[in-house]
Amino acid sequence: MNQLSKHYEIARQNANDFMKNGQISAYLNALLEMNKYKRLINAVVSN
């Protein structure tokens, strides 16, 4: 669980950095990665 939260926070920070730099495709990829980790976190919590 700790690792998933850490990966989620890293992806969130990357998304913010990419958005500030105007790197749209990298920003969208980071959002997809955030979504993946958020779903994994929810799956772990529900079990």
N, C-alpha and C. Protein backbone atom coordinates (compact mmCIF):
# COMPACT_ATOMS: atom_id res chain seq x y z
N MET A 1 0.83 -1.19 0.00
CA MET A 1 0.00 0.00 0.00
C MET A 1 0.87 1.25 0.00
N ASN A 2 1.93 1.23 0.82
CA ASN A 2 2.82 2.38 0.88
C ASN A 2 3.47 2.65 -0.47
N GLN A 3 3.89 1.58 -1.14
CA GLN A 3 4.53 1.74 -2.45
C GLN A 3 3.55 2.31 -3.47
N LEU A 4 2.30 1.86 -3.42
CA LEU A 4 1.30 2.37 -4.37
C LEU A 4 1.07 3.86 -4.15
N SER A 5 1.00 4.26 -2.89
CA SER A 5 0.80 5.68 -2.59
C SER A 5 1.99 6.51 -3.05
N LYS A 6 3.17 5.95 -2.88
CA LYS A 6 4.38 6.66 -3.29
C LYS A 6 4.42 6.83 -4.81
N HIS A 7 4.07 5.74 -5.55
CA HIS A 7 4.03 5.82 -7.01
C HIS A 7 2.98 6.81 -7.47
N TYR A 8 1.83 6.83 -6.79
CA TYR A 8 0.77 7.76 -7.15
C TYR A 8 1.24 9.21 -6.98
N GLU A 9 1.90 9.50 -5.87
CA GLU A 9 2.38 10.86 -5.62
C GLU A 9 3.45 11.29 -6.62
N ILE A 10 4.31 10.35 -7.01
CA ILE A 10 5.32 10.66 -8.02
C ILE A 10 4.66 10.97 -9.35
N ALA A 11 3.66 10.18 -9.73
CA ALA A 11 2.94 10.42 -10.99
C ALA A 11 2.21 11.75 -10.94
N ARG A 12 1.66 12.09 -9.78
CA ARG A 12 0.96 13.37 -9.63
C ARG A 12 1.93 14.55 -9.78
N GLN A 13 3.10 14.43 -9.18
CA GLN A 13 4.09 15.49 -9.31
C GLN A 13 4.58 15.61 -10.75
N ASN A 14 4.79 14.47 -11.40
CA ASN A 14 5.19 14.50 -12.81
C ASN A 14 4.12 15.17 -13.66
N ALA A 15 2.86 14.87 -13.40
CA ALA A 15 1.77 15.48 -14.17
C ALA A 15 1.78 16.99 -13.99
N ASN A 16 1.99 17.44 -12.76
CA ASN A 16 2.04 18.89 -12.53
C ASN A 16 3.21 19.53 -13.27
N ASP A 17 4.36 18.88 -13.23
CA ASP A 17 5.53 19.42 -13.93
C ASP A 17 5.32 19.46 -15.43
N PHE A 18 4.76 18.39 -15.99
CA PHE A 18 4.51 18.35 -17.42
C PHE A 18 3.50 19.42 -17.83
N MET A 19 2.47 19.64 -17.01
CA MET A 19 1.47 20.65 -17.33
C MET A 19 2.10 22.04 -17.33
N LYS A 20 2.96 22.31 -16.34
CA LYS A 20 3.62 23.61 -16.28
C LYS A 20 4.52 23.86 -17.47
N ASN A 21 5.15 22.78 -17.98
CA ASN A 21 6.08 22.90 -19.11
C ASN A 21 5.38 22.82 -20.46
N GLY A 22 4.09 22.55 -20.46
CA GLY A 22 3.33 22.49 -21.70
C GLY A 22 3.54 21.21 -22.49
N GLN A 23 3.98 20.15 -21.83
CA GLN A 23 4.18 18.87 -22.49
C GLN A 23 2.89 18.06 -22.37
N ILE A 24 1.99 18.27 -23.34
CA ILE A 24 0.63 17.76 -23.22
C ILE A 24 0.59 16.23 -23.26
N SER A 25 1.29 15.60 -24.19
CA SER A 25 1.21 14.14 -24.28
C SER A 25 1.81 13.48 -23.04
N ALA A 26 2.90 14.02 -22.51
CA ALA A 26 3.49 13.47 -21.29
C ALA A 26 2.55 13.70 -20.11
N TYR A 27 1.86 14.84 -20.10
CA TYR A 27 0.89 15.15 -19.05
C TYR A 27 -0.25 14.13 -19.05
N LEU A 28 -0.77 13.83 -20.23
CA LEU A 28 -1.86 12.86 -20.33
C LEU A 28 -1.41 11.47 -19.93
N ASN A 29 -0.19 11.10 -20.29
CA ASN A 29 0.35 9.80 -19.87
C ASN A 29 0.48 9.73 -18.35
N ALA A 30 0.90 10.82 -17.74
CA ALA A 30 1.03 10.85 -16.29
C ALA A 30 -0.35 10.75 -15.63
N LEU A 31 -1.36 11.36 -16.23
CA LEU A 31 -2.72 11.24 -15.70
C LEU A 31 -3.21 9.80 -15.78
N LEU A 32 -2.89 9.13 -16.88
CA LEU A 32 -3.27 7.72 -17.01
C LEU A 32 -2.57 6.87 -15.95
N GLU A 33 -1.30 7.18 -15.69
CA GLU A 33 -0.56 6.46 -14.67
C GLU A 33 -1.16 6.71 -13.28
N MET A 34 -1.56 7.96 -13.02
CA MET A 34 -2.22 8.28 -11.76
C MET A 34 -3.49 7.47 -11.61
N ASN A 35 -4.27 7.38 -12.68
CA ASN A 35 -5.53 6.64 -12.65
C ASN A 35 -5.28 5.16 -12.35
N LYS A 36 -4.22 4.61 -12.96
CA LYS A 36 -3.89 3.20 -12.73
C LYS A 36 -3.57 2.96 -11.26
N TYR A 37 -2.75 3.82 -10.66
CA TYR A 37 -2.39 3.63 -9.26
C TYR A 37 -3.56 3.89 -8.33
N LYS A 38 -4.42 4.84 -8.68
CA LYS A 38 -5.60 5.11 -7.85
C LYS A 38 -6.52 3.89 -7.83
N ARG A 39 -6.70 3.24 -9.00
CA ARG A 39 -7.53 2.03 -9.04
C ARG A 39 -6.92 0.91 -8.23
N LEU A 40 -5.60 0.76 -8.30
CA LEU A 40 -4.92 -0.28 -7.52
C LEU A 40 -5.06 -0.02 -6.03
N ILE A 41 -4.93 1.24 -5.62
CA ILE A 41 -5.09 1.59 -4.21
C ILE A 41 -6.49 1.26 -3.74
N ASN A 42 -7.50 1.61 -4.56
CA ASN A 42 -8.88 1.32 -4.18
C ASN A 42 -9.13 -0.18 -4.09
N ALA A 43 -8.50 -0.96 -4.98
CA ALA A 43 -8.67 -2.41 -4.95
C ALA A 43 -8.05 -2.98 -3.67
N VAL A 44 -6.90 -2.47 -3.27
CA VAL A 44 -6.24 -2.97 -2.07
C VAL A 44 -7.06 -2.59 -0.83
N VAL A 45 -7.59 -1.40 -0.80
CA VAL A 45 -8.36 -0.94 0.35
C VAL A 45 -9.66 -1.75 0.48
N SER A 46 -10.29 -2.07 -0.63
CA SER A 46 -11.57 -2.77 -0.56
C SER A 46 -11.40 -4.24 -0.18
N ASN A 47 -10.20 -4.77 -0.33
CA ASN A 47 -9.97 -6.18 0.05
C ASN A 47 -9.42 -6.30 1.39
